[in-house]
C-alpha atoms as a PDB file:
ATOM      1  CA  MET A   1      -0.642 -19.823  -2.007  1.00  0.00           C
ATOM      2  CA  GLY A   2      -0.572 -16.717   0.257  1.00  0.00           C
ATOM      3  CA  LYS A   3      -3.120 -13.528  -0.092  1.00  0.00           C
ATOM      4  CA  ILE A   4      -3.822 -10.465  -2.438  1.00  0.00           C
ATOM      5  CA  ILE A   5      -3.635  -7.405   0.172  1.00  0.00           C
ATOM      6  CA  PHE A   6      -3.591  -3.730   0.969  1.00  0.00           C
ATOM      7  CA  ASP A   7      -2.912  -1.984   3.601  1.00  0.00           C
ATOM      8  CA  SER A   8      -3.708   2.125   3.499  1.00  0.00           C
ATOM      9  CA  GLY A   9      -4.311   4.814   5.544  1.00  0.00           C
ATOM     10  CA  ILE A  10      -6.907   7.173   5.194  1.00  0.00           C
ATOM     11  CA  SER A  11      -8.663  10.273   6.043  1.00  0.00           C
ATOM     12  CA  LEU A  12     -11.681  10.024   8.454  1.00  0.00           C
ATOM     13  CA  ASP A  13     -13.368  11.192   5.340  1.00  0.00           C
ATOM     14  CA  GLY A  14     -12.043   8.656   3.273  1.00  0.00           C
ATOM     15  CA  PHE A  15      -9.360  10.312   1.578  1.00  0.00           C
ATOM     16  CA  PHE A  16      -6.285   8.278   0.559  1.00  0.00           C
ATOM     17  CA  ALA A  17      -3.957  11.216  -0.875  1.00  0.00           C
ATOM     18  CA  GLY A  18      -4.672  14.903  -1.682  1.00  0.00           C
ATOM     19  CA  GLU A  19      -4.545  16.863  -5.197  1.00  0.00           C
ATOM     20  CA  ASP A  20      -2.139  18.076  -7.342  1.00  0.00           C
ATOM     21  CA  ARG A  21      -0.018  14.481  -6.683  1.00  0.00           C
ATOM     22  CA  GLY A  22       3.568  14.492  -8.386  1.00  0.00           C
ATOM     23  CA  PRO A  23       7.634  13.386  -7.875  1.00  0.00           C
ATOM     24  CA  HIS A  24       7.576  17.451  -6.400  1.00  0.00           C
ATOM     25  CA  ASN A  25       4.459  16.403  -4.310  1.00  0.00           C
ATOM     26  CA  PRO A  26       3.819  13.008  -3.069  1.00  0.00           C
ATOM     27  CA  MET A  27       0.366  12.028  -2.297  1.00  0.00           C
ATOM     28  CA  GLY A  28      -0.894  15.437  -2.686  1.00  0.00           C
ATOM     29  CA  GLY A  29       1.246  16.725   0.553  1.00  0.00           C
ATOM     30  CA  VAL A  30      -0.809  15.079   3.270  1.00  0.00           C
ATOM     31  CA  SER A  31       1.173  12.817   3.621  1.00  0.00           C
ATOM     32  CA  GLY A  32       2.086  14.293   6.856  1.00  0.00           C
ATOM     33  CA  LEU A  33      -2.040  13.987   8.200  1.00  0.00           C
ATOM     34  CA  ILE A  34      -2.432  10.465   7.097  1.00  0.00           C
ATOM     35  CA  HIS A  35       0.201   8.951   8.250  1.00  0.00           C
ATOM     36  CA  GLN A  36       1.184  10.681  11.648  1.00  0.00           C
ATOM     37  CA  TRP A  37       0.932   8.003  13.307  1.00  0.00           C
ATOM     38  CA  MET A  38       3.357   5.949  11.250  1.00  0.00           C
ATOM     39  CA  PHE A  39       5.675   8.263  11.194  1.00  0.00           C
ATOM     40  CA  ARG A  40       6.520   8.292  15.142  1.00  0.00           C
ATOM     41  CA  GLN A  41       7.087   4.174  15.174  1.00  0.00           C
ATOM     42  CA  LYS A  42      10.454   3.032  14.921  1.00  0.00           C
ATOM     43  CA  ALA A  43       9.694  -0.290  13.402  1.00  0.00           C
ATOM     44  CA  PHE A  44       8.504   2.790  10.242  1.00  0.00           C
ATOM     45  CA  TRP A  45      12.587   4.341  10.076  1.00  0.00           C
ATOM     46  CA  ARG A  46      13.644   1.160  10.527  1.00  0.00           C
ATOM     47  CA  HIS A  47      11.961   0.086   7.121  1.00  0.00           C
ATOM     48  CA  LEU A  48      13.993   2.834   5.338  1.00  0.00           C
ATOM     49  CA  GLN A  49      17.455   1.960   6.857  1.00  0.00           C
ATOM     50  CA  MET A  50      17.086   5.224   8.943  1.00  0.00           C
ATOM     51  CA  GLU A  51      17.275   5.801  13.020  1.00  0.00           C
ATOM     52  CA  GLY A  52      14.148   7.436  14.342  1.00  0.00           C
ATOM     53  CA  GLY A  53      10.676   7.221  15.859  1.00  0.00           C
ATOM     54  CA  ALA A  54       9.640   8.074  19.230  1.00  0.00           C
ATOM     55  CA  GLU A  55       8.140   4.743  20.256  1.00  0.00           C
ATOM     56  CA  TYR A  56       7.395   1.098  19.666  1.00  0.00           C
ATOM     57  CA  GLY A  57       4.525  -0.030  20.620  1.00  0.00           C
ATOM     58  CA  PRO A  58       0.737  -1.890  18.860  1.00  0.00           C
ATOM     59  CA  ASP A  59       1.344   0.562  15.642  1.00  0.00           C
ATOM     60  CA  SER A  60       4.432  -0.238  14.926  1.00  0.00           C
ATOM     61  CA  LYS A  61       3.660  -4.123  15.959  1.00  0.00           C
ATOM     62  CA  ARG A  62       1.318  -4.063  12.842  1.00  0.00           C
ATOM     63  CA  ILE A  63       3.886  -2.282  10.162  1.00  0.00           C
ATOM     64  CA  GLU A  64       6.038  -5.154  10.817  1.00  0.00           C
ATOM     65  CA  GLU A  65       3.452  -7.560  10.472  1.00  0.00           C
ATOM     66  CA  VAL A  66       2.554  -6.526   7.033  1.00  0.00           C
ATOM     67  CA  ILE A  67       6.005  -6.257   5.991  1.00  0.00           C
ATOM     68  CA  ALA A  68       6.788  -9.974   7.303  1.00  0.00           C
ATOM     69  CA  ARG A  69       3.633 -11.699   5.226  1.00  0.00           C
ATOM     70  CA  THR A  70       4.996  -9.959   2.033  1.00  0.00           C
ATOM     71  CA  GLY A  71       6.202 -11.345  -0.241  1.00  0.00           C
ATOM     72  CA  ALA A  72       5.760  -9.133  -3.681  1.00  0.00           C
ATOM     73  CA  TYR A  73       4.434  -5.867  -4.471  1.00  0.00           C
ATOM     74  CA  ILE A  74       2.114  -4.203  -7.149  1.00  0.00           C
ATOM     75  CA  MET A  75       1.843  -0.488  -8.002  1.00  0.00           C
ATOM     76  CA  GLY A  76       1.078   2.173 -10.364  1.00  0.00           C
ATOM     77  CA  LYS A  77       3.484   3.984 -12.041  1.00  0.00           C
ATOM     78  CA  ARG A  78       2.571   7.018 -10.651  1.00  0.00           C
ATOM     79  CA  MET A  79       3.229   5.685  -6.906  1.00  0.00           C
ATOM     80  CA  PHE A  80       6.369   4.467  -8.227  1.00  0.00           C
ATOM     81  CA  GLU A  81       7.465   8.025  -9.603  1.00  0.00           C
ATOM     82  CA  GLU A  82       6.483   9.845  -6.168  1.00  0.00           C
ATOM     83  CA  GLY A  83       8.387   7.285  -4.480  1.00  0.00           C
ATOM     84  CA  MET A  84      11.827   7.299  -6.472  1.00  0.00           C
ATOM     85  CA  ALA A  85      12.392  10.368  -5.339  1.00  0.00           C
ATOM     86  CA  GLY A  86      12.767   9.671  -1.937  1.00  0.00           C
ATOM     87  CA  TRP A  87      12.476   5.940  -1.079  1.00  0.00           C
ATOM     88  CA  PRO A  88      16.039   4.075   0.230  1.00  0.00           C
ATOM     89  CA  GLU A  89      17.688   1.844  -2.199  1.00  0.00           C
ATOM     90  CA  ASP A  90      16.644  -1.886  -1.326  1.00  0.00           C
ATOM     91  CA  LEU A  91      13.526  -0.510   0.500  1.00  0.00           C
ATOM     92  CA  PHE A  92      10.783  -3.958  -0.824  1.00  0.00           C
ATOM     93  CA  ALA A  93      13.939  -6.071  -0.545  1.00  0.00           C
ATOM     94  CA  ALA A  94      11.446  -7.907  -3.223  1.00  0.00           C
ATOM     95  CA  ASP A  95      10.288  -8.096  -6.490  1.00  0.00           C
ATOM     96  CA  VAL A  96       8.027  -5.066  -7.194  1.00  0.00           C
ATOM     97  CA  TYR A  97       5.301  -4.930 -10.513  1.00  0.00           C
ATOM     98  CA  VAL A  98       4.685  -1.433 -11.646  1.00  0.00           C
ATOM     99  CA  LEU A  99       1.650  -1.190 -13.973  1.00  0.00           C
ATOM    100  CA  THR A 100       2.852   1.017 -17.084  1.00  0.00           C
ATOM    101  CA  HIS A 101       2.296   2.146 -20.496  1.00  0.00           C
ATOM    102  CA  GLU A 102       5.774   2.707 -20.830  1.00  0.00           C
ATOM    103  CA  GLN A 103       8.126  -0.557 -22.052  1.00  0.00           C
ATOM    104  CA  ARG A 104      11.598  -0.508 -19.561  1.00  0.00           C
ATOM    105  CA  ASP A 105      13.906  -3.077 -19.050  1.00  0.00           C
ATOM    106  CA  PRO A 106      13.568  -4.206 -15.060  1.00  0.00           C
ATOM    107  CA  LEU A 107      15.488  -1.390 -12.740  1.00  0.00           C
ATOM    108  CA  VAL A 108      17.690  -3.945 -10.159  1.00  0.00           C
ATOM    109  CA  GLN A 109      18.700  -2.184  -7.007  1.00  0.00           C
ATOM    110  CA  LYS A 110      21.409  -3.692  -4.689  1.00  0.00           C
ATOM    111  CA  GLY A 111      19.767  -6.348  -2.487  1.00  0.00           C
ATOM    112  CA  GLY A 112      16.591  -7.745  -3.159  1.00  0.00           C
ATOM    113  CA  THR A 113      14.620  -5.128  -4.448  1.00  0.00           C
ATOM    114  CA  THR A 114      13.991  -5.364  -8.294  1.00  0.00           C
ATOM    115  CA  PHE A 115      11.418  -3.397 -10.002  1.00  0.00           C
ATOM    116  CA  HIS A 116       9.488  -4.680 -13.206  1.00  0.00           C
ATOM    117  CA  PHE A 117       7.730  -2.711 -15.385  1.00  0.00           C
ATOM    118  CA  ILE A 118       4.462  -4.350 -16.607  1.00  0.00           C
ATOM    119  CA  THR A 119       2.700  -2.696 -19.857  1.00  0.00           C
ATOM    120  CA  ASP A 120      -0.222  -5.588 -20.086  1.00  0.00           C
ATOM    121  CA  GLY A 121      -2.558  -5.179 -17.254  1.00  0.00           C
ATOM    122  CA  ILE A 122      -3.174  -6.311 -13.411  1.00  0.00           C
ATOM    123  CA  GLU A 123      -3.486 -10.032 -14.358  1.00  0.00           C
ATOM    124  CA  SER A 124      -0.320 -10.598 -16.117  1.00  0.00           C
ATOM    125  CA  ALA A 125       1.238  -8.327 -13.018  1.00  0.00           C
ATOM    126  CA  LEU A 126      -0.760 -10.739 -10.397  1.00  0.00           C
ATOM    127  CA  GLU A 127       0.503 -13.699 -11.973  1.00  0.00           C
ATOM    128  CA  LYS A 128       4.064 -12.571 -12.351  1.00  0.00           C
ATOM    129  CA  ALA A 129       4.020 -11.586  -8.268  1.00  0.00           C
ATOM    130  CA  ARG A 130       2.401 -15.219  -7.327  1.00  0.00           C
ATOM    131  CA  GLN A 131       5.897 -16.369  -8.781  1.00  0.00           C
ATOM    132  CA  SER A 132       8.013 -14.125  -6.691  1.00  0.00           C
ATOM    133  CA  ALA A 133       5.979 -14.367  -3.625  1.00  0.00           C
ATOM    134  CA  GLY A 134       5.778 -17.994  -3.000  1.00  0.00           C
ATOM    135  CA  GLU A 135       3.983 -18.950   0.172  1.00  0.00           C
ATOM    136  CA  LYS A 136       3.708 -14.922   1.315  1.00  0.00           C
ATOM    137  CA  ASP A 137       1.314 -12.277   0.113  1.00  0.00           C
ATOM    138  CA  ILE A 138       0.651  -9.723  -2.776  1.00  0.00           C
ATOM    139  CA  ARG A 139       0.143  -6.054  -1.323  1.00  0.00           C
ATOM    140  CA  ILE A 140      -1.352  -4.144  -3.623  1.00  0.00           C
ATOM    141  CA  GLN A 141       0.824  -1.073  -2.567  1.00  0.00           C
ATOM    142  CA  GLY A 142      -1.077   1.767  -4.686  1.00  0.00           C
ATOM    143  CA  GLY A 143      -2.106   4.128  -5.495  1.00  0.00           C
ATOM    144  CA  ALA A 144      -5.712   4.306  -5.198  1.00  0.00           C
ATOM    145  CA  ASN A 145      -6.667   3.640  -8.773  1.00  0.00           C
ATOM    146  CA  VAL A 146      -4.622   0.719  -8.499  1.00  0.00           C
ATOM    147  CA  ILE A 147      -5.933  -0.496  -5.223  1.00  0.00           C
ATOM    148  CA  GLN A 148      -9.503   0.121  -6.833  1.00  0.00           C
ATOM    149  CA  GLN A 149      -8.686  -2.042 -10.103  1.00  0.00           C
ATOM    150  CA  PHE A 150      -7.930  -4.863  -8.462  1.00  0.00           C
ATOM    151  CA  LEU A 151     -10.976  -4.046  -6.065  1.00  0.00           C
ATOM    152  CA  ARG A 152     -13.186  -4.024  -8.956  1.00  0.00           C
ATOM    153  CA  ALA A 153     -12.002  -7.235 -10.236  1.00  0.00           C
ATOM    154  CA  GLY A 154     -12.780  -9.396  -7.340  1.00  0.00           C
ATOM    155  CA  LEU A 155      -9.160  -9.987  -6.604  1.00  0.00           C
ATOM    156  CA  ILE A 156      -8.745  -8.874  -2.948  1.00  0.00           C
ATOM    157  CA  ASP A 157      -8.877 -11.006   0.065  1.00  0.00           C
ATOM    158  CA  GLU A 158      -7.862  -8.761   2.749  1.00  0.00           C
ATOM    159  CA  PHE A 159      -7.309  -5.282   3.772  1.00  0.00           C
ATOM    160  CA  TYR A 160      -5.902  -3.215   6.649  1.00  0.00           C
ATOM    161  CA  LEU A 161      -6.929   0.451   6.611  1.00  0.00           C
ATOM    162  CA  HIS A 162      -5.490   3.160   9.254  1.00  0.00           C
ATOM    163  CA  ILE A 163      -8.376   6.106   9.662  1.00  0.00           C
ATOM    164  CA  SER A 164      -6.609   9.056  10.969  1.00  0.00           C
ATOM    165  CA  PRO A 165      -8.403  11.662  12.617  1.00  0.00           C
ATOM    166  CA  VAL A 166      -8.447  14.494  10.122  1.00  0.00           C
ATOM    167  CA  PHE A 167     -10.851  15.890   7.869  1.00  0.00           C
ATOM    168  CA  LEU A 168      -9.306  16.517   4.007  1.00  0.00           C
ATOM    169  CA  GLY A 169     -12.003  17.668   2.537  1.00  0.00           C
ATOM    170  CA  ARG A 170     -10.939  16.961  -1.077  1.00  0.00           C
ATOM    171  CA  GLY A 171      -8.462  14.885  -2.651  1.00  0.00           C
ATOM    172  CA  ILE A 172      -8.791  10.991  -4.101  1.00  0.00           C
ATOM    173  CA  ARG A 173     -10.884   9.097  -2.374  1.00  0.00           C
ATOM    174  CA  LEU A 174      -9.299   5.527  -1.648  1.00  0.00           C
ATOM    175  CA  PHE A 175     -13.105   3.680  -2.459  1.00  0.00           C
ATOM    176  CA  GLU A 176     -14.613   5.794  -5.106  1.00  0.00           C
ATOM    177  CA  GLY A 177     -16.547   3.733  -7.345  1.00  0.00           C
ATOM    178  CA  ILE A 178     -16.689   0.461  -5.418  1.00  0.00           C
ATOM    179  CA  ASP A 179     -19.679  -2.280  -6.338  1.00  0.00           C
ATOM    180  CA  ARG A 180     -21.137  -2.422  -2.865  1.00  0.00           C
ATOM    181  CA  ASP A 181     -22.735  -5.758  -3.918  1.00  0.00           C
ATOM    182  CA  LEU A 182     -19.184  -7.339  -4.796  1.00  0.00           C
ATOM    183  CA  TYR A 183     -18.167  -8.905  -1.688  1.00  0.00           C
ATOM    184  CA  ASP A 184     -19.041  -9.875   1.741  1.00  0.00           C
ATOM    185  CA  LEU A 185     -16.835  -8.012   4.576  1.00  0.00           C
ATOM    186  CA  GLN A 186     -15.932  -9.492   7.913  1.00  0.00           C
ATOM    187  CA  LEU A 187     -13.866  -7.516  10.292  1.00  0.00           C
ATOM    188  CA  LEU A 188     -11.679  -9.187  11.669  1.00  0.00           C
ATOM    189  CA  GLU A 189      -9.432  -7.064  13.964  1.00  0.00           C
ATOM    190  CA  ALA A 190     -10.412  -3.384  15.212  1.00  0.00           C
ATOM    191  CA  VAL A 191      -7.573  -1.345  17.476  1.00  0.00           C
ATOM    192  CA  PRO A 192      -7.485   2.071  18.288  1.00  0.00           C
ATOM    193  CA  THR A 193      -4.376   4.385  19.212  1.00  0.00           C
ATOM    194  CA  ASP A 194      -3.209   7.824  20.024  1.00  0.00           C
ATOM    195  CA  LEU A 195      -3.668   8.946  16.567  1.00  0.00           C
ATOM    196  CA  THR A 196      -5.071   6.114  14.070  1.00  0.00           C
ATOM    197  CA  THR A 197      -7.513   3.719  14.119  1.00  0.00           C
ATOM    198  CA  HIS A 198      -6.689  -0.484  12.976  1.00  0.00           C
ATOM    199  CA  LEU A 199      -9.110  -1.977  11.119  1.00  0.00           C
ATOM    200  CA  ARG A 200      -8.598  -5.440   9.222  1.00  0.00           C
ATOM    201  CA  TYR A 201     -11.032  -6.846   6.801  1.00  0.00           C
ATOM    202  CA  GLN A 202     -11.783  -9.996   5.256  1.00  0.00           C
ATOM    203  CA  LEU A 203     -13.299  -9.788   1.903  1.00  0.00           C
ATOM    204  CA  THR A 204     -15.342 -12.649   0.102  1.00  0.00           C
ATOM    205  CA  LYS A 205     -16.467 -12.462  -3.458  1.00  0.00           C
ATOM    206  CA  ARG A 206     -20.404 -12.990  -3.581  1.00  0.00           C
END
């Protein structure tokens, strides 16, 4: 059985996204600040099925590593709605479980991506994602609120952080309201590059 992970970029002052998020303004307009390192990588654009990127190095290898180990995804309705405005067909090449209050039939794309809409909570989404992922990991894609729900439930095994050297000052914090006594954390990896610092942590629930 795989692990439950997340992989997130944040600002130096801990923000995952800006304010006024929506399909018209994905991530509150701060994606270019938090993810600038990623936009330079050939692996990122290859994942989008597009040509682009100026370099292939340690940053690209981390993008590929997380994609390769993921067998299913869980995300919130807001991230789904924001992403569908710009995501290419079959971006995830896996089952994606969308947490929502709205009953919907699955959205099947060409290739391997199917979006399933889950109305009965994170445990139900997790159970279904385990069946899809097999021996691979389940990635909690976001947004911050969904990641926080899984953290507070004691369900996260490991996470990647990519800290960009920018201050946002306001927005949505990734670790807002997390119980500091819930987990023991072990740093597994720390890799500084030009535009970010990659960190990987293992979590053990106390």
